Protein backbone atom coordinates (compact mmCIF):
# COMPACT_ATOMS: atom_id res chain seq x y z
CA UNK A 1 14.99 63.88 -94.84
CA UNK A 2 12.95 62.14 -92.45
CA UNK A 3 11.00 63.80 -89.29
CA UNK A 4 13.22 61.66 -87.40
CA UNK A 5 16.45 62.81 -88.79
CA UNK A 6 17.28 59.39 -90.62
CA UNK A 7 17.23 60.03 -94.20
CA UNK A 8 15.71 57.45 -96.76
CA UNK A 9 19.42 56.49 -98.00
CA UNK A 10 20.67 55.99 -94.34
CA UNK A 11 17.56 53.42 -93.61
CA UNK A 12 18.59 51.37 -96.71
CA UNK A 13 21.95 51.39 -95.36
CA UNK A 14 21.58 50.05 -91.72
CA UNK A 15 18.89 51.49 -90.04
CA UNK A 16 17.21 48.13 -90.11
CA UNK A 17 20.31 46.19 -89.32
CA UNK A 18 19.42 45.39 -85.84
CA UNK A 19 16.57 43.23 -86.30
CA UNK A 20 17.51 42.05 -89.50
CA UNK A 21 21.11 40.88 -86.86
CA UNK A 22 19.08 39.45 -85.02
CA UNK A 23 17.03 37.40 -87.10
CA UNK A 24 19.89 35.91 -89.32
CA UNK A 25 20.91 34.25 -85.78
CA UNK A 26 20.87 30.71 -85.63
CA UNK A 27 18.79 29.37 -83.05
CA UNK A 28 20.48 26.81 -80.49
CA UNK A 29 18.83 23.44 -80.47
CA UNK A 30 18.21 21.88 -76.73
CA UNK A 31 21.25 19.38 -75.64
CA UNK A 32 20.12 16.15 -74.95
CA UNK A 33 20.84 15.61 -71.35
CA UNK A 34 21.93 12.40 -70.00
CA UNK A 35 20.20 10.58 -67.30
CA UNK A 36 21.77 11.26 -63.98
CA UNK A 37 24.40 9.24 -62.83
CA UNK A 38 23.68 10.23 -59.26
CA UNK A 39 19.96 8.51 -59.72
CA UNK A 40 19.49 6.89 -56.54
CA UNK A 41 18.67 3.28 -57.79
CA UNK A 42 22.11 3.54 -59.64
CA UNK A 43 23.97 4.95 -56.74
CA UNK A 44 22.64 2.07 -55.15
CA UNK A 45 23.53 -0.67 -57.56
CA UNK A 46 27.47 0.68 -57.59
CA UNK A 47 27.22 0.52 -53.48
CA UNK A 48 26.14 -2.74 -53.84
CA UNK A 49 28.02 -4.47 -56.36
CA UNK A 50 31.12 -2.27 -54.38
CA UNK A 51 29.74 -4.44 -50.92
CA UNK A 52 29.68 -7.23 -52.74
CA UNK A 53 33.25 -6.97 -53.74
CA UNK A 54 34.67 -6.23 -50.47
CA UNK A 55 32.91 -9.06 -48.55
CA UNK A 56 34.35 -11.15 -51.27
CA UNK A 57 38.08 -9.98 -50.44
CA UNK A 58 37.65 -10.26 -46.66
CA UNK A 59 36.07 -13.72 -46.78
CA UNK A 60 39.53 -14.30 -48.63
CA UNK A 61 41.90 -12.93 -46.27
CA UNK A 62 39.80 -14.14 -43.71
CA UNK A 63 40.26 -17.63 -45.26
CA UNK A 64 44.28 -17.57 -45.89
CA UNK A 65 45.00 -16.00 -42.40
CA UNK A 66 42.76 -18.32 -39.86
CA UNK A 67 42.17 -21.77 -42.06
CA UNK A 68 44.20 -21.72 -45.04
CA UNK A 69 47.15 -24.00 -45.36
CA UNK A 70 49.05 -21.17 -46.86
CA UNK A 71 50.16 -19.42 -44.07
CA UNK A 72 50.16 -22.56 -41.50
CA UNK A 73 52.94 -23.30 -39.29
CA UNK A 74 55.71 -25.58 -41.21
CA UNK A 75 58.46 -25.18 -38.98
CA UNK A 76 58.83 -24.49 -34.56
CA UNK A 77 62.73 -22.57 -33.92
CA UNK A 78 64.06 -22.34 -30.34
CA UNK A 79 66.62 -19.68 -30.14
CA UNK A 80 68.63 -19.60 -26.74
CA UNK A 81 68.24 -23.57 -25.64
CA UNK A 82 71.91 -24.86 -24.28
CA UNK A 83 70.88 -27.23 -21.83
CA UNK A 84 67.42 -28.03 -23.05
CA UNK A 85 67.35 -29.51 -26.23
CA UNK A 86 65.21 -28.18 -28.93
CA UNK A 87 62.81 -31.18 -29.13
CA UNK A 88 62.16 -30.88 -25.59
CA UNK A 89 61.20 -27.17 -25.70
CA UNK A 90 59.52 -27.62 -29.26
CA UNK A 91 57.40 -30.84 -27.64
CA UNK A 92 56.10 -28.28 -24.07
CA UNK A 93 55.37 -25.48 -26.56
CA UNK A 94 52.82 -28.22 -28.00
CA UNK A 95 52.53 -25.91 -31.50
CA UNK A 96 51.74 -28.43 -33.74
CA UNK A 97 52.33 -28.39 -37.54
CA UNK A 98 49.67 -27.36 -39.88
CA UNK A 99 47.85 -25.06 -37.65
CA UNK A 100 47.12 -21.89 -39.58
CA UNK A 101 49.75 -19.04 -37.74
CA UNK A 102 46.65 -16.46 -36.36
CA UNK A 103 45.29 -19.62 -34.63
CA UNK A 104 48.49 -20.70 -32.28
CA UNK A 105 47.77 -19.18 -29.22
CA UNK A 106 51.29 -17.91 -28.04
CA UNK A 107 50.50 -16.99 -24.99
CA UNK A 108 49.80 -20.87 -23.95
CA UNK A 109 52.64 -21.77 -25.56
CA UNK A 110 55.08 -19.62 -23.40
CA UNK A 111 52.90 -20.86 -20.01
CA UNK A 112 53.88 -24.23 -20.83
CA UNK A 113 57.49 -23.65 -21.89
CA UNK A 114 58.10 -20.75 -19.05
CA UNK A 115 57.31 -23.99 -16.32
CA UNK A 116 60.54 -26.13 -17.52
CA UNK A 117 62.34 -25.52 -14.36
CA UNK A 118 65.47 -24.67 -16.08
CA UNK A 119 63.79 -21.94 -17.85
CA UNK A 120 63.88 -17.75 -16.31
CA UNK A 121 62.42 -16.36 -19.39
CA UNK A 122 60.21 -17.58 -22.98
CA UNK A 123 58.96 -15.41 -25.46
CA UNK A 124 56.71 -17.46 -28.30
CA UNK A 125 56.39 -15.87 -31.56
CA UNK A 126 54.99 -15.55 -35.23
CA UNK A 127 57.43 -15.81 -37.59
CA UNK A 128 55.16 -15.30 -41.02
CA UNK A 129 54.85 -16.80 -43.43
CA UNK A 130 54.75 -20.11 -41.81
CA UNK A 131 57.46 -20.90 -38.33
CA UNK A 132 57.00 -20.17 -34.70
CA UNK A 133 60.06 -18.64 -32.73
CA UNK A 134 59.99 -19.87 -28.98
CA UNK A 135 62.86 -17.49 -27.64
CA UNK A 136 64.24 -19.49 -24.15
CA UNK A 137 66.23 -17.44 -21.66
CA UNK A 138 67.99 -20.10 -19.75
CA UNK A 139 69.03 -20.10 -16.09
CA UNK A 140 72.51 -20.03 -15.34
CA UNK A 141 73.78 -21.63 -12.68
CA UNK A 142 76.36 -20.70 -9.81
CA UNK A 143 75.64 -22.78 -6.80
CA UNK A 144 74.73 -26.54 -6.25
CA UNK A 145 73.19 -27.40 -2.40
CA UNK A 146 72.48 -30.91 -1.51
CA UNK A 147 69.40 -32.18 0.06
CA UNK A 148 68.28 -35.66 1.24
CA UNK A 149 71.31 -36.70 -1.11
CA UNK A 150 69.74 -35.08 -4.35
CA UNK A 151 72.01 -31.97 -5.52
CA UNK A 152 70.34 -29.32 -7.57
CA UNK A 153 71.49 -26.10 -9.35
CA UNK A 154 70.82 -22.71 -7.79
CA UNK A 155 70.89 -19.83 -9.96
CA UNK A 156 71.58 -15.94 -8.65
CA UNK A 157 68.23 -15.56 -7.71
CA UNK A 158 68.00 -18.68 -5.43
CA UNK A 159 66.21 -20.75 -7.41
CA UNK A 160 66.81 -24.40 -7.03
CA UNK A 161 65.84 -25.66 -11.11
CA UNK A 162 67.50 -29.00 -11.81
CA UNK A 163 69.11 -32.02 -10.15
CA UNK A 164 72.81 -33.20 -11.26
CA UNK A 165 74.30 -36.16 -10.80
CA UNK A 166 78.38 -36.20 -10.91
CA UNK A 167 80.45 -33.02 -10.64
CA UNK A 168 78.44 -30.57 -10.82
CA UNK A 169 79.70 -27.39 -14.19
CA UNK A 170 82.93 -25.69 -13.88
CA UNK A 171 82.48 -22.57 -11.61
CA UNK A 172 79.52 -23.85 -9.58
CA UNK A 173 80.26 -24.03 -5.51
CA UNK A 174 78.95 -26.09 -3.32
CA UNK A 175 76.94 -24.39 -1.22
CA UNK A 176 75.85 -25.27 2.65
CA UNK A 177 73.05 -23.45 3.84
CA UNK A 178 70.10 -24.96 5.98
CA UNK A 179 66.93 -23.76 4.42
CA UNK A 180 68.12 -22.99 0.27
CA UNK A 181 65.85 -21.09 -1.79
CA UNK A 182 65.19 -17.70 -3.33
CA UNK A 183 63.03 -16.26 -0.04
CA UNK A 184 65.71 -17.73 2.32
CA UNK A 185 68.21 -14.49 3.09
CA UNK A 186 71.43 -16.50 4.05
CA UNK A 187 70.72 -18.22 0.56
CA UNK A 188 70.67 -14.62 -0.86
CA UNK A 189 73.27 -13.41 1.09
CA UNK A 190 75.85 -16.42 -0.15
CA UNK A 191 74.78 -16.26 -3.89
CA UNK A 192 75.26 -12.16 -4.23
CA UNK A 193 78.89 -13.20 -2.48
CA UNK A 194 79.67 -15.61 -5.24
CA UNK A 195 78.12 -13.28 -7.97
CA UNK A 196 80.64 -10.48 -6.99
CA UNK A 197 83.26 -12.91 -7.32
CA UNK A 198 85.16 -13.06 -10.77
CA UNK A 199 84.59 -16.76 -12.36
CA UNK A 200 88.14 -17.76 -12.28
CA UNK A 201 88.16 -16.82 -8.25
CA UNK A 202 84.72 -19.06 -8.15
CA UNK A 203 86.60 -21.96 -9.95
CA UNK A 204 89.16 -22.41 -6.48
CA UNK A 205 86.60 -22.30 -4.51
CA UNK A 206 85.86 -25.56 -2.54
CA UNK A 207 82.74 -24.53 -0.62
CA UNK A 208 80.42 -21.45 0.45
CA UNK A 209 78.69 -21.61 3.15
CA UNK A 210 75.90 -18.74 5.19
CA UNK A 211 74.54 -19.70 8.31
CA UNK A 212 72.77 -16.29 8.40
CA UNK A 213 72.69 -13.21 6.16
CA UNK A 214 75.58 -11.46 7.48
CA UNK A 215 77.99 -15.16 8.24
CA UNK A 216 78.96 -15.94 4.84
CA UNK A 217 82.70 -17.76 4.13
CA UNK A 218 84.24 -19.44 1.60
CA UNK A 219 87.09 -21.95 1.86
CA UNK A 220 89.30 -22.28 -0.82
CA UNK A 221 90.81 -25.41 -2.61
CA UNK A 222 94.02 -25.01 -0.40
CA UNK A 223 91.99 -25.00 2.72
CA UNK A 224 92.14 -21.16 3.11
CA UNK A 225 88.52 -19.80 4.86
CA UNK A 226 87.54 -16.68 3.37
CA UNK A 227 85.12 -14.49 6.13
CA UNK A 228 82.87 -12.23 3.65
CA UNK A 229 80.22 -11.38 6.49
CA UNK A 230 76.93 -9.86 4.91
CA UNK A 231 76.26 -9.12 1.61
CA UNK A 232 77.01 -5.11 1.64
CA UNK A 233 79.32 -4.02 0.10
CA UNK A 234 79.90 -6.77 -2.21
CA UNK A 235 82.03 -5.74 -4.59
CA UNK A 236 84.09 -3.80 -2.48
CA UNK A 237 85.25 -7.20 -0.83
CA UNK A 238 85.58 -8.86 -4.32
CA UNK A 239 88.29 -6.40 -5.24
CA UNK A 240 89.87 -6.65 -2.10
CA UNK A 241 90.15 -10.41 -2.11
CA UNK A 242 91.32 -10.78 -5.58
CA UNK A 243 93.93 -8.08 -5.10
CA UNK A 244 95.05 -10.16 -2.06
CA UNK A 245 95.18 -13.46 -3.40
CA UNK A 246 97.35 -11.82 -6.57
CA UNK A 247 99.68 -10.98 -3.84
CA UNK A 248 100.21 -14.16 -2.17
CA UNK A 249 100.21 -15.88 -5.51
CA UNK A 250 102.93 -13.63 -6.44
CA UNK A 251 104.90 -14.30 -2.80
CA UNK A 252 104.75 -10.36 -1.96
CA UNK A 253 102.59 -11.59 1.26
CA UNK A 254 102.96 -14.94 3.71
CA UNK A 255 100.39 -17.58 3.13
CA UNK A 256 97.50 -17.19 5.95
CA UNK A 257 94.70 -19.50 6.90
CA UNK A 258 92.10 -16.69 6.93
CA UNK A 259 91.59 -13.90 4.74
CA UNK A 260 88.87 -11.29 6.12
CA UNK A 261 87.73 -9.54 3.77
CA UNK A 262 84.35 -8.55 6.19
CA UNK A 263 85.77 -4.71 6.30
CA UNK A 264 86.96 -4.14 2.96
CA UNK A 265 89.10 -1.13 3.81
CA UNK A 266 90.67 -3.33 6.59
CA UNK A 267 91.36 -6.79 5.47
CA UNK A 268 92.91 -8.56 8.35
CA UNK A 269 94.93 -12.67 7.22
CA UNK A 270 95.81 -14.35 9.85
């Protein structure tokens, strides 16, 4: 036994195992590193390539939208036209076939169509990929006025918008006012009364007259005069007149030369 307390046989069996094991372990070879993909030059090259592709795509898209015949106007469709023809609206809109859709000035086209007297409202929209849609709302006539031998249709707002020859449309009532127009109170009062009446009553009116905003009268085809008064409570007056006409037609009331509905709760026949 040695002084360290380890026998010769112990040293032979394992006393130097730690060192021997360490010496027997193979060394790792250094791994060759690839050049960093984050190298500034490589990164710049990738950015340049991507930027070039993006510019090319944007350029192609701009050409398709702004200058290509692929997305150009091939048809102009008109919706809502009645008295106007589609050809008239298209001509006034001024949208040329072959114009790229993105270059169509819809606001300018709307302004041109809106100048047509028959048009109350208009909207011009792009119908991708190759059409433009013009949607018009035409004025609806309720009366016709005569000035200096010319007869003109009037819509519910008092706008004079179209001349007529011969008979006016069915249900359009001849209106006698001193100064027809949207700013005239007598005109507005008479039109308010006409709009309140059902169409089947308006077709039986021979004339409407308004000397002022408080003095609206009608004349029926049979010569009966209807005293309407002002435009207040127009719907109540219309209901009262419709009820009275129904009773007169059924023979439950004696015919009257004048029907006064100016106070709808106390109608007077005389």
